């Protein structure tokens, strides 16, 4: 459970940008860092679904509301489930036999907000409730997420701490495990005159590994309503060797709806790549 729902990605734009946090420009940014809500224009909502390895069903939904000119609040709910897993047992002859089926899954509910103090400084905070279940074994816990964004003359920088307390997820069978605390900084350049392009980067400490990501987002035509994204993300290290994934994406804005797509190479068993779709609304 240390790798929660964010490992899989919570929206197509987030995946397309190499899971660089804070610049998704939709309500789903609350899953990444609460301060990202300060960059969401107007009120917004998002729905995202995917199926991985033909068995893992994944759904997220999020919404944000501009309560005050300086304050944006939001919530996000994500659920990952694996139905109909085979249950086995040993019979009297010490042979493994089928014993029905069970379901495993995890979910998280995040509530938070972001306050814009000035044209250059914003801060955000959120609380996430985690729930995990494997057959009859289940457990849950709460944790705190913090974020801050500062706009320099040449770029925007965002610092984040997710699962600040690294609380323990305690199960009803007496077991427990600590949540993964993530600490990092992400950066974004301002749009340039070259295809309205932006460059993004991120360094984060997760599961005792320093991971790097770099990405870009641009408009190939003279329109802000169609954008392409590409990114290279370090997913971890095995035996001292870094592993990377490549992601591509596209977003088409049809006011007030934006259709979003991402393609991502993955290390999921028996799959080399995966397609993702999400729909966001600004109103």
C-alpha atoms as a PDB file:
ATOM      1  CA  UNK A   1       0.000   0.000   0.000  1.00  0.00           C
ATOM      2  CA  UNK A   2       2.987   2.318   0.245  1.00  0.00           C
ATOM      3  CA  UNK A   3       2.510   3.048  -3.463  1.00  0.00           C
ATOM      4  CA  UNK A   4      -0.972   4.553  -3.383  1.00  0.00           C
ATOM      5  CA  UNK A   5      -3.305   5.513  -6.229  1.00  0.00           C
ATOM      6  CA  UNK A   6      -1.000   8.284  -7.401  1.00  0.00           C
ATOM      7  CA  UNK A   7       1.470   5.658  -8.607  1.00  0.00           C
ATOM      8  CA  UNK A   8      -0.951   4.816 -11.407  1.00  0.00           C
ATOM      9  CA  UNK A   9      -1.861   8.433 -12.140  1.00  0.00           C
ATOM     10  CA  UNK A  10      -5.076  10.309 -11.440  1.00  0.00           C
ATOM     11  CA  UNK A  11      -5.801  11.973 -14.801  1.00  0.00           C
ATOM     12  CA  UNK A  12      -4.618  11.749 -18.392  1.00  0.00           C
ATOM     13  CA  UNK A  13      -2.801  15.143 -18.369  1.00  0.00           C
ATOM     14  CA  UNK A  14      -0.926  14.212 -15.179  1.00  0.00           C
ATOM     15  CA  UNK A  15       0.253  10.951 -16.754  1.00  0.00           C
ATOM     16  CA  UNK A  16       1.137  12.647 -20.046  1.00  0.00           C
ATOM     17  CA  UNK A  17       3.339  15.149 -18.202  1.00  0.00           C
ATOM     18  CA  UNK A  18       5.338  12.416 -16.480  1.00  0.00           C
ATOM     19  CA  UNK A  19       3.426  12.796 -13.199  1.00  0.00           C
ATOM     20  CA  UNK A  20       5.038  16.169 -12.556  1.00  0.00           C
ATOM     21  CA  UNK A  21       2.941  17.622  -9.759  1.00  0.00           C
ATOM     22  CA  UNK A  22       1.063  20.886  -9.595  1.00  0.00           C
ATOM     23  CA  UNK A  23       0.500  21.884 -13.232  1.00  0.00           C
ATOM     24  CA  UNK A  24      -2.406  19.721 -14.408  1.00  0.00           C
ATOM     25  CA  UNK A  25      -4.822  22.692 -14.750  1.00  0.00           C
ATOM     26  CA  UNK A  26      -7.862  20.660 -13.667  1.00  0.00           C
ATOM     27  CA  UNK A  27      -9.614  19.743 -10.426  1.00  0.00           C
ATOM     28  CA  UNK A  28      -7.608  16.479 -10.330  1.00  0.00           C
ATOM     29  CA  UNK A  29      -4.552  18.492  -9.287  1.00  0.00           C
ATOM     30  CA  UNK A  30      -5.753  18.075  -5.679  1.00  0.00           C
ATOM     31  CA  UNK A  31      -4.445  14.490  -5.811  1.00  0.00           C
ATOM     32  CA  UNK A  32      -0.958  15.795  -6.695  1.00  0.00           C
ATOM     33  CA  UNK A  33      -0.533  18.772  -4.368  1.00  0.00           C
ATOM     34  CA  UNK A  34      -3.243  20.977  -2.818  1.00  0.00           C
ATOM     35  CA  UNK A  35      -1.536  24.226  -3.828  1.00  0.00           C
ATOM     36  CA  UNK A  36      -2.160  23.283  -7.466  1.00  0.00           C
ATOM     37  CA  UNK A  37      -5.797  24.296  -6.956  1.00  0.00           C
ATOM     38  CA  UNK A  38      -4.658  27.942  -7.093  1.00  0.00           C
ATOM     39  CA  UNK A  39      -3.909  27.449 -10.797  1.00  0.00           C
ATOM     40  CA  UNK A  40      -7.362  26.096 -11.735  1.00  0.00           C
ATOM     41  CA  UNK A  41      -9.440  28.683 -13.583  1.00  0.00           C
ATOM     42  CA  UNK A  42     -13.047  29.130 -12.452  1.00  0.00           C
ATOM     43  CA  UNK A  43     -14.877  26.097 -11.042  1.00  0.00           C
ATOM     44  CA  UNK A  44     -13.915  22.686 -12.378  1.00  0.00           C
ATOM     45  CA  UNK A  45     -14.727  18.977 -12.357  1.00  0.00           C
ATOM     46  CA  UNK A  46     -13.026  15.869 -13.739  1.00  0.00           C
ATOM     47  CA  UNK A  47     -13.811  12.209 -14.307  1.00  0.00           C
ATOM     48  CA  UNK A  48     -11.179   9.614 -15.177  1.00  0.00           C
ATOM     49  CA  UNK A  49     -11.320   5.844 -15.585  1.00  0.00           C
ATOM     50  CA  UNK A  50      -8.980   3.114 -16.769  1.00  0.00           C
ATOM     51  CA  UNK A  51      -8.481  -0.643 -16.698  1.00  0.00           C
ATOM     52  CA  UNK A  52      -4.978  -2.042 -16.249  1.00  0.00           C
ATOM     53  CA  UNK A  53      -3.807  -5.555 -17.076  1.00  0.00           C
ATOM     54  CA  UNK A  54      -7.429  -6.441 -17.941  1.00  0.00           C
ATOM     55  CA  UNK A  55      -8.269  -6.693 -14.252  1.00  0.00           C
ATOM     56  CA  UNK A  56      -7.455  -3.557 -12.228  1.00  0.00           C
ATOM     57  CA  UNK A  57     -10.369  -1.124 -12.430  1.00  0.00           C
ATOM     58  CA  UNK A  58      -9.404   2.461 -11.676  1.00  0.00           C
ATOM     59  CA  UNK A  59     -11.703   5.495 -11.241  1.00  0.00           C
ATOM     60  CA  UNK A  60     -11.111   9.043 -10.037  1.00  0.00           C
ATOM     61  CA  UNK A  61     -13.421  12.036  -9.746  1.00  0.00           C
ATOM     62  CA  UNK A  62     -12.604  15.533  -8.544  1.00  0.00           C
ATOM     63  CA  UNK A  63     -14.168  18.982  -8.283  1.00  0.00           C
ATOM     64  CA  UNK A  64     -12.982  22.433  -7.270  1.00  0.00           C
ATOM     65  CA  UNK A  65     -14.807  25.643  -6.385  1.00  0.00           C
ATOM     66  CA  UNK A  66     -13.540  29.232  -6.194  1.00  0.00           C
ATOM     67  CA  UNK A  67     -14.979  30.164  -2.817  1.00  0.00           C
ATOM     68  CA  UNK A  68     -13.239  33.565  -2.729  1.00  0.00           C
ATOM     69  CA  UNK A  69     -11.024  35.379  -5.232  1.00  0.00           C
ATOM     70  CA  UNK A  70      -8.041  34.194  -3.162  1.00  0.00           C
ATOM     71  CA  UNK A  71      -9.389  30.781  -2.060  1.00  0.00           C
ATOM     72  CA  UNK A  72     -10.088  27.632  -4.102  1.00  0.00           C
ATOM     73  CA  UNK A  73     -11.393  24.517  -2.333  1.00  0.00           C
ATOM     74  CA  UNK A  74     -11.709  21.044  -3.775  1.00  0.00           C
ATOM     75  CA  UNK A  75     -12.140  17.339  -3.220  1.00  0.00           C
ATOM     76  CA  UNK A  76     -11.049  14.195  -5.010  1.00  0.00           C
ATOM     77  CA  UNK A  77     -12.037  10.554  -4.738  1.00  0.00           C
ATOM     78  CA  UNK A  78     -10.115   7.657  -6.228  1.00  0.00           C
ATOM     79  CA  UNK A  79     -10.835   3.945  -6.179  1.00  0.00           C
ATOM     80  CA  UNK A  80      -8.781   1.010  -7.416  1.00  0.00           C
ATOM     81  CA  UNK A  81     -10.340  -2.451  -7.323  1.00  0.00           C
ATOM     82  CA  UNK A  82      -9.437  -5.972  -8.454  1.00  0.00           C
ATOM     83  CA  UNK A  83     -12.571  -8.159  -8.491  1.00  0.00           C
ATOM     84  CA  UNK A  84     -12.848 -11.941  -8.662  1.00  0.00           C
ATOM     85  CA  UNK A  85      -9.412 -12.902  -7.389  1.00  0.00           C
ATOM     86  CA  UNK A  86      -9.083 -16.656  -6.907  1.00  0.00           C
ATOM     87  CA  UNK A  87      -9.071 -17.859  -3.317  1.00  0.00           C
ATOM     88  CA  UNK A  88      -7.262 -21.129  -2.616  1.00  0.00           C
ATOM     89  CA  UNK A  89      -6.926 -23.517   0.307  1.00  0.00           C
ATOM     90  CA  UNK A  90      -5.335 -26.829   1.201  1.00  0.00           C
ATOM     91  CA  UNK A  91      -7.638 -29.859   1.278  1.00  0.00           C
ATOM     92  CA  UNK A  92      -7.295 -32.937   3.488  1.00  0.00           C
ATOM     93  CA  UNK A  93      -4.754 -34.393   1.031  1.00  0.00           C
ATOM     94  CA  UNK A  94      -2.618 -31.240   1.337  1.00  0.00           C
ATOM     95  CA  UNK A  95      -3.476 -30.209  -2.223  1.00  0.00           C
ATOM     96  CA  UNK A  96      -4.202 -26.645  -3.333  1.00  0.00           C
ATOM     97  CA  UNK A  97      -7.844 -26.294  -4.385  1.00  0.00           C
ATOM     98  CA  UNK A  98     -10.090 -23.402  -5.361  1.00  0.00           C
ATOM     99  CA  UNK A  99     -12.014 -21.851  -2.485  1.00  0.00           C
ATOM    100  CA  UNK A 100     -14.142 -19.252  -4.246  1.00  0.00           C
ATOM    101  CA  UNK A 101     -13.085 -15.689  -4.994  1.00  0.00           C
ATOM    102  CA  UNK A 102     -12.496 -12.387  -3.236  1.00  0.00           C
ATOM    103  CA  UNK A 103     -11.954  -8.722  -4.042  1.00  0.00           C
ATOM    104  CA  UNK A 104      -9.048  -6.435  -3.230  1.00  0.00           C
ATOM    105  CA  UNK A 105      -8.971  -2.671  -3.519  1.00  0.00           C
ATOM    106  CA  UNK A 106      -7.956   0.667  -2.151  1.00  0.00           C
ATOM    107  CA  UNK A 107      -9.482   4.123  -2.117  1.00  0.00           C
ATOM    108  CA  UNK A 108      -8.629   7.632  -1.040  1.00  0.00           C
ATOM    109  CA  UNK A 109     -10.688  10.734  -0.361  1.00  0.00           C
ATOM    110  CA  UNK A 110      -8.904  14.082  -0.330  1.00  0.00           C
ATOM    111  CA  UNK A 111     -10.309  17.427   0.877  1.00  0.00           C
ATOM    112  CA  UNK A 112      -8.314  20.639   0.720  1.00  0.00           C
ATOM    113  CA  UNK A 113      -7.814  24.158  -0.494  1.00  0.00           C
ATOM    114  CA  UNK A 114      -5.305  26.708  -1.757  1.00  0.00           C
ATOM    115  CA  UNK A 115      -4.920  30.372  -0.807  1.00  0.00           C
ATOM    116  CA  UNK A 116      -3.297  32.925  -3.103  1.00  0.00           C
ATOM    117  CA  UNK A 117      -1.467  35.460  -0.923  1.00  0.00           C
ATOM    118  CA  UNK A 118      -0.113  37.561  -3.778  1.00  0.00           C
ATOM    119  CA  UNK A 119       0.649  37.387  -7.497  1.00  0.00           C
ATOM    120  CA  UNK A 120       3.756  35.334  -6.712  1.00  0.00           C
ATOM    121  CA  UNK A 121       2.878  33.236  -3.626  1.00  0.00           C
ATOM    122  CA  UNK A 122       0.250  30.545  -3.012  1.00  0.00           C
ATOM    123  CA  UNK A 123      -0.031  27.866  -0.323  1.00  0.00           C
ATOM    124  CA  UNK A 124      -2.285  24.851   0.051  1.00  0.00           C
ATOM    125  CA  UNK A 125      -3.190  22.073   2.482  1.00  0.00           C
ATOM    126  CA  UNK A 126      -5.316  18.945   2.290  1.00  0.00           C
ATOM    127  CA  UNK A 127      -6.280  15.883   4.314  1.00  0.00           C
ATOM    128  CA  UNK A 128      -6.478  12.434   2.734  1.00  0.00           C
ATOM    129  CA  UNK A 129      -8.320   9.423   4.083  1.00  0.00           C
ATOM    130  CA  UNK A 130      -6.913   6.091   2.881  1.00  0.00           C
ATOM    131  CA  UNK A 131      -8.813   2.808   2.912  1.00  0.00           C
ATOM    132  CA  UNK A 132      -7.449  -0.582   1.901  1.00  0.00           C
ATOM    133  CA  UNK A 133      -9.181  -3.970   1.712  1.00  0.00           C
ATOM    134  CA  UNK A 134      -8.044  -7.486   0.826  1.00  0.00           C
ATOM    135  CA  UNK A 135     -10.931  -9.926   1.225  1.00  0.00           C
ATOM    136  CA  UNK A 136     -12.027  -9.539   4.870  1.00  0.00           C
ATOM    137  CA  UNK A 137      -8.860  -7.692   5.926  1.00  0.00           C
ATOM    138  CA  UNK A 138      -9.251  -3.920   5.857  1.00  0.00           C
ATOM    139  CA  UNK A 139      -7.779  -0.800   7.367  1.00  0.00           C
ATOM    140  CA  UNK A 140      -7.634   2.965   7.054  1.00  0.00           C
ATOM    141  CA  UNK A 141      -5.867   6.110   8.188  1.00  0.00           C
ATOM    142  CA  UNK A 142      -5.600   9.873   7.640  1.00  0.00           C
ATOM    143  CA  UNK A 143      -2.648  12.014   6.611  1.00  0.00           C
ATOM    144  CA  UNK A 144      -1.758  15.610   5.755  1.00  0.00           C
ATOM    145  CA  UNK A 145      -0.461  17.149   2.508  1.00  0.00           C
ATOM    146  CA  UNK A 146       1.135  20.594   2.118  1.00  0.00           C
ATOM    147  CA  UNK A 147       2.247  22.642  -0.868  1.00  0.00           C
ATOM    148  CA  UNK A 148       3.616  26.054  -1.772  1.00  0.00           C
ATOM    149  CA  UNK A 149       4.089  27.780  -5.139  1.00  0.00           C
ATOM    150  CA  UNK A 150       6.304  30.769  -5.852  1.00  0.00           C
ATOM    151  CA  UNK A 151       6.505  32.581  -9.174  1.00  0.00           C
ATOM    152  CA  UNK A 152       9.984  33.770 -10.103  1.00  0.00           C
ATOM    153  CA  UNK A 153      10.518  36.138 -13.056  1.00  0.00           C
ATOM    154  CA  UNK A 154      11.702  33.225 -15.238  1.00  0.00           C
ATOM    155  CA  UNK A 155       9.762  30.211 -13.896  1.00  0.00           C
ATOM    156  CA  UNK A 156       7.223  28.906 -11.390  1.00  0.00           C
ATOM    157  CA  UNK A 157       8.410  26.581  -8.607  1.00  0.00           C
ATOM    158  CA  UNK A 158       6.195  24.338  -6.479  1.00  0.00           C
ATOM    159  CA  UNK A 159       7.256  22.483  -3.338  1.00  0.00           C
ATOM    160  CA  UNK A 160       5.184  19.643  -1.914  1.00  0.00           C
ATOM    161  CA  UNK A 161       5.060  17.222   0.989  1.00  0.00           C
ATOM    162  CA  UNK A 162       2.513  14.422   0.688  1.00  0.00           C
ATOM    163  CA  UNK A 163       1.710  12.175   3.649  1.00  0.00           C
ATOM    164  CA  UNK A 164       3.594  14.520   5.950  1.00  0.00           C
ATOM    165  CA  UNK A 165       2.995  12.384   9.056  1.00  0.00           C
ATOM    166  CA  UNK A 166       3.648   9.038   7.303  1.00  0.00           C
ATOM    167  CA  UNK A 167       0.898   7.588   9.478  1.00  0.00           C
ATOM    168  CA  UNK A 168       0.442   3.852   9.854  1.00  0.00           C
ATOM    169  CA  UNK A 169      -2.320   2.063   8.006  1.00  0.00           C
ATOM    170  CA  UNK A 170      -3.621  -0.365  10.634  1.00  0.00           C
ATOM    171  CA  UNK A 171      -5.524  -3.481   9.578  1.00  0.00           C
ATOM    172  CA  UNK A 172      -8.216  -5.372  11.481  1.00  0.00           C
ATOM    173  CA  UNK A 173      -5.988  -8.483  11.602  1.00  0.00           C
ATOM    174  CA  UNK A 174      -3.370  -6.629  13.647  1.00  0.00           C
ATOM    175  CA  UNK A 175      -0.997  -5.823  10.785  1.00  0.00           C
ATOM    176  CA  UNK A 176       0.110  -2.338   9.789  1.00  0.00           C
ATOM    177  CA  UNK A 177       2.331  -0.439   7.345  1.00  0.00           C
ATOM    178  CA  UNK A 178       3.412   3.188   7.047  1.00  0.00           C
ATOM    179  CA  UNK A 179       2.291   5.449   4.235  1.00  0.00           C
ATOM    180  CA  UNK A 180       4.955   6.644   1.826  1.00  0.00           C
ATOM    181  CA  UNK A 181       6.015  10.244   2.524  1.00  0.00           C
ATOM    182  CA  UNK A 182       6.808  12.156  -0.686  1.00  0.00           C
ATOM    183  CA  UNK A 183       8.882  15.346  -0.659  1.00  0.00           C
ATOM    184  CA  UNK A 184       9.783  17.203  -3.816  1.00  0.00           C
ATOM    185  CA  UNK A 185       9.917  20.289  -5.959  1.00  0.00           C
ATOM    186  CA  UNK A 186       8.516  20.786  -9.437  1.00  0.00           C
ATOM    187  CA  UNK A 187       9.160  23.630 -11.865  1.00  0.00           C
ATOM    188  CA  UNK A 188       7.481  25.069 -14.953  1.00  0.00           C
ATOM    189  CA  UNK A 189       8.693  27.676 -17.422  1.00  0.00           C
ATOM    190  CA  UNK A 190       6.318  30.330 -18.680  1.00  0.00           C
ATOM    191  CA  UNK A 191       4.877  29.799 -22.183  1.00  0.00           C
ATOM    192  CA  UNK A 192       7.224  30.952 -24.944  1.00  0.00           C
ATOM    193  CA  UNK A 193       6.505  32.283 -28.422  1.00  0.00           C
ATOM    194  CA  UNK A 194       7.755  28.980 -29.879  1.00  0.00           C
ATOM    195  CA  UNK A 195       4.490  27.037 -30.265  1.00  0.00           C
ATOM    196  CA  UNK A 196       3.452  28.389 -26.864  1.00  0.00           C
ATOM    197  CA  UNK A 197       5.770  25.744 -25.390  1.00  0.00           C
ATOM    198  CA  UNK A 198       6.403  25.123 -21.683  1.00  0.00           C
ATOM    199  CA  UNK A 199       9.126  23.021 -20.036  1.00  0.00           C
ATOM    200  CA  UNK A 200       8.585  21.152 -16.767  1.00  0.00           C
ATOM    201  CA  UNK A 201      10.860  19.358 -14.341  1.00  0.00           C
ATOM    202  CA  UNK A 202      10.623  17.556 -11.014  1.00  0.00           C
ATOM    203  CA  UNK A 203      12.789  16.069  -8.294  1.00  0.00           C
ATOM    204  CA  UNK A 204      11.084  14.056  -5.590  1.00  0.00           C
ATOM    205  CA  UNK A 205      12.091  11.737  -2.775  1.00  0.00           C
ATOM    206  CA  UNK A 206       9.778   8.722  -2.681  1.00  0.00           C
ATOM    207  CA  UNK A 207      10.320   5.302  -1.092  1.00  0.00           C
ATOM    208  CA  UNK A 208      13.875   6.395  -0.212  1.00  0.00           C
ATOM    209  CA  UNK A 209      14.697   7.089  -3.871  1.00  0.00           C
ATOM    210  CA  UNK A 210      15.395  10.437  -5.551  1.00  0.00           C
ATOM    211  CA  UNK A 211      13.405  10.347  -8.794  1.00  0.00           C
ATOM    212  CA  UNK A 212      13.589  12.755 -11.752  1.00  0.00           C
ATOM    213  CA  UNK A 213      11.045  13.765 -14.394  1.00  0.00           C
ATOM    214  CA  UNK A 214      11.154  16.195 -17.322  1.00  0.00           C
ATOM    215  CA  UNK A 215       8.383  17.131 -19.729  1.00  0.00           C
ATOM    216  CA  UNK A 216       7.024  19.660 -22.182  1.00  0.00           C
ATOM    217  CA  UNK A 217       3.610  20.944 -23.261  1.00  0.00           C
ATOM    218  CA  UNK A 218       2.985  22.940 -26.445  1.00  0.00           C
ATOM    219  CA  UNK A 219       0.423  23.952 -29.071  1.00  0.00           C
ATOM    220  CA  UNK A 220       1.369  22.604 -32.545  1.00  0.00           C
ATOM    221  CA  UNK A 221      -1.133  24.940 -34.195  1.00  0.00           C
ATOM    222  CA  UNK A 222      -1.979  28.577 -33.581  1.00  0.00           C
ATOM    223  CA  UNK A 223      -4.596  27.772 -30.957  1.00  0.00           C
ATOM    224  CA  UNK A 224      -4.695  27.427 -27.186  1.00  0.00           C
ATOM    225  CA  UNK A 225      -7.462  24.839 -27.531  1.00  0.00           C
ATOM    226  CA  UNK A 226      -5.223  21.975 -28.678  1.00  0.00           C
ATOM    227  CA  UNK A 227      -2.082  20.960 -26.808  1.00  0.00           C
ATOM    228  CA  UNK A 228       0.394  18.097 -26.957  1.00  0.00           C
ATOM    229  CA  UNK A 229       2.586  16.802 -24.113  1.00  0.00           C
ATOM    230  CA  UNK A 230       5.611  14.550 -23.796  1.00  0.00           C
ATOM    231  CA  UNK A 231       7.656  13.469 -20.782  1.00  0.00           C
ATOM    232  CA  UNK A 232      10.391  11.182 -19.516  1.00  0.00           C
ATOM    233  CA  UNK A 233       9.916   9.886 -15.958  1.00  0.00           C
ATOM    234  CA  UNK A 234      12.290   7.917 -13.750  1.00  0.00           C
ATOM    235  CA  UNK A 235      10.132   5.216 -12.135  1.00  0.00           C
ATOM    236  CA  UNK A 236      12.737   3.766  -9.763  1.00  0.00           C
ATOM    237  CA  UNK A 237      16.026   1.901  -9.491  1.00  0.00           C
ATOM    238  CA  UNK A 238      16.625  -1.832  -9.526  1.00  0.00           C
ATOM    239  CA  UNK A 239      20.122  -3.113  -8.664  1.00  0.00           C
ATOM    240  CA  UNK A 240      21.428   0.426  -9.062  1.00  0.00           C
ATOM    241  CA  UNK A 241      20.019   0.831 -12.588  1.00  0.00           C
ATOM    242  CA  UNK A 242      17.450   3.557 -13.230  1.00  0.00           C
ATOM    243  CA  UNK A 243      14.225   2.664 -14.995  1.00  0.00           C
ATOM    244  CA  UNK A 244      12.307   5.179 -17.089  1.00  0.00           C
ATOM    245  CA  UNK A 245       8.920   5.474 -18.734  1.00  0.00           C
ATOM    246  CA  UNK A 246       7.927   7.655 -21.688  1.00  0.00           C
ATOM    247  CA  UNK A 247       4.547   9.351 -21.878  1.00  0.00           C
ATOM    248  CA  UNK A 248       2.735  11.303 -24.590  1.00  0.00           C
ATOM    249  CA  UNK A 249      -0.540  13.168 -24.433  1.00  0.00           C
ATOM    250  CA  UNK A 250      -3.059  15.395 -26.167  1.00  0.00           C
ATOM    251  CA  UNK A 251      -5.803  17.710 -24.915  1.00  0.00           C
ATOM    252  CA  UNK A 252      -8.607  19.283 -26.954  1.00  0.00           C
ATOM    253  CA  UNK A 253     -10.620  22.067 -25.364  1.00  0.00           C
ATOM    254  CA  UNK A 254     -14.258  22.300 -26.493  1.00  0.00           C
ATOM    255  CA  UNK A 255     -15.564  24.938 -24.111  1.00  0.00           C
ATOM    256  CA  UNK A 256     -16.404  24.194 -21.380  1.00  0.00           C
ATOM    257  CA  UNK A 257     -15.266  20.554 -21.816  1.00  0.00           C
ATOM    258  CA  UNK A 258     -11.685  19.349 -22.351  1.00  0.00           C
ATOM    259  CA  UNK A 259     -11.029  15.882 -23.782  1.00  0.00           C
ATOM    260  CA  UNK A 260      -7.706  14.451 -22.591  1.00  0.00           C
ATOM    261  CA  UNK A 261      -5.628  11.461 -23.683  1.00  0.00           C
ATOM    262  CA  UNK A 262      -2.326   9.960 -22.514  1.00  0.00           C
ATOM    263  CA  UNK A 263      -0.099   7.130 -23.700  1.00  0.00           C
ATOM    264  CA  UNK A 264       2.403   5.703 -21.249  1.00  0.00           C
ATOM    265  CA  UNK A 265       4.941   2.911 -21.301  1.00  0.00           C
ATOM    266  CA  UNK A 266       4.549   0.786 -18.207  1.00  0.00           C
ATOM    267  CA  UNK A 267       6.198  -2.035 -16.294  1.00  0.00           C
ATOM    268  CA  UNK A 268       2.886  -3.731 -15.537  1.00  0.00           C
ATOM    269  CA  UNK A 269       3.124  -7.469 -16.159  1.00  0.00           C
ATOM    270  CA  UNK A 270       2.229  -8.504 -19.724  1.00  0.00           C
ATOM    271  CA  UNK A 271       1.727  -4.904 -20.858  1.00  0.00           C
ATOM    272  CA  UNK A 272       4.257  -2.603 -22.498  1.00  0.00           C
ATOM    273  CA  UNK A 273       2.031   0.443 -22.810  1.00  0.00           C
ATOM    274  CA  UNK A 274      -1.299   1.801 -21.668  1.00  0.00           C
ATOM    275  CA  UNK A 275      -3.871   4.310 -22.915  1.00  0.00           C
ATOM    276  CA  UNK A 276      -5.676   6.724 -20.580  1.00  0.00           C
ATOM    277  CA  UNK A 277      -8.653   9.034 -21.094  1.00  0.00           C
ATOM    278  CA  UNK A 278     -10.179  11.702 -18.910  1.00  0.00           C
ATOM    279  CA  UNK A 279     -12.746  14.485 -19.286  1.00  0.00           C
ATOM    280  CA  UNK A 280     -12.575  17.782 -17.411  1.00  0.00           C
ATOM    281  CA  UNK A 281     -15.037  20.665 -17.238  1.00  0.00           C
ATOM    282  CA  UNK A 282     -14.438  24.315 -16.364  1.00  0.00           C
ATOM    283  CA  UNK A 283     -17.484  26.452 -15.620  1.00  0.00           C
END
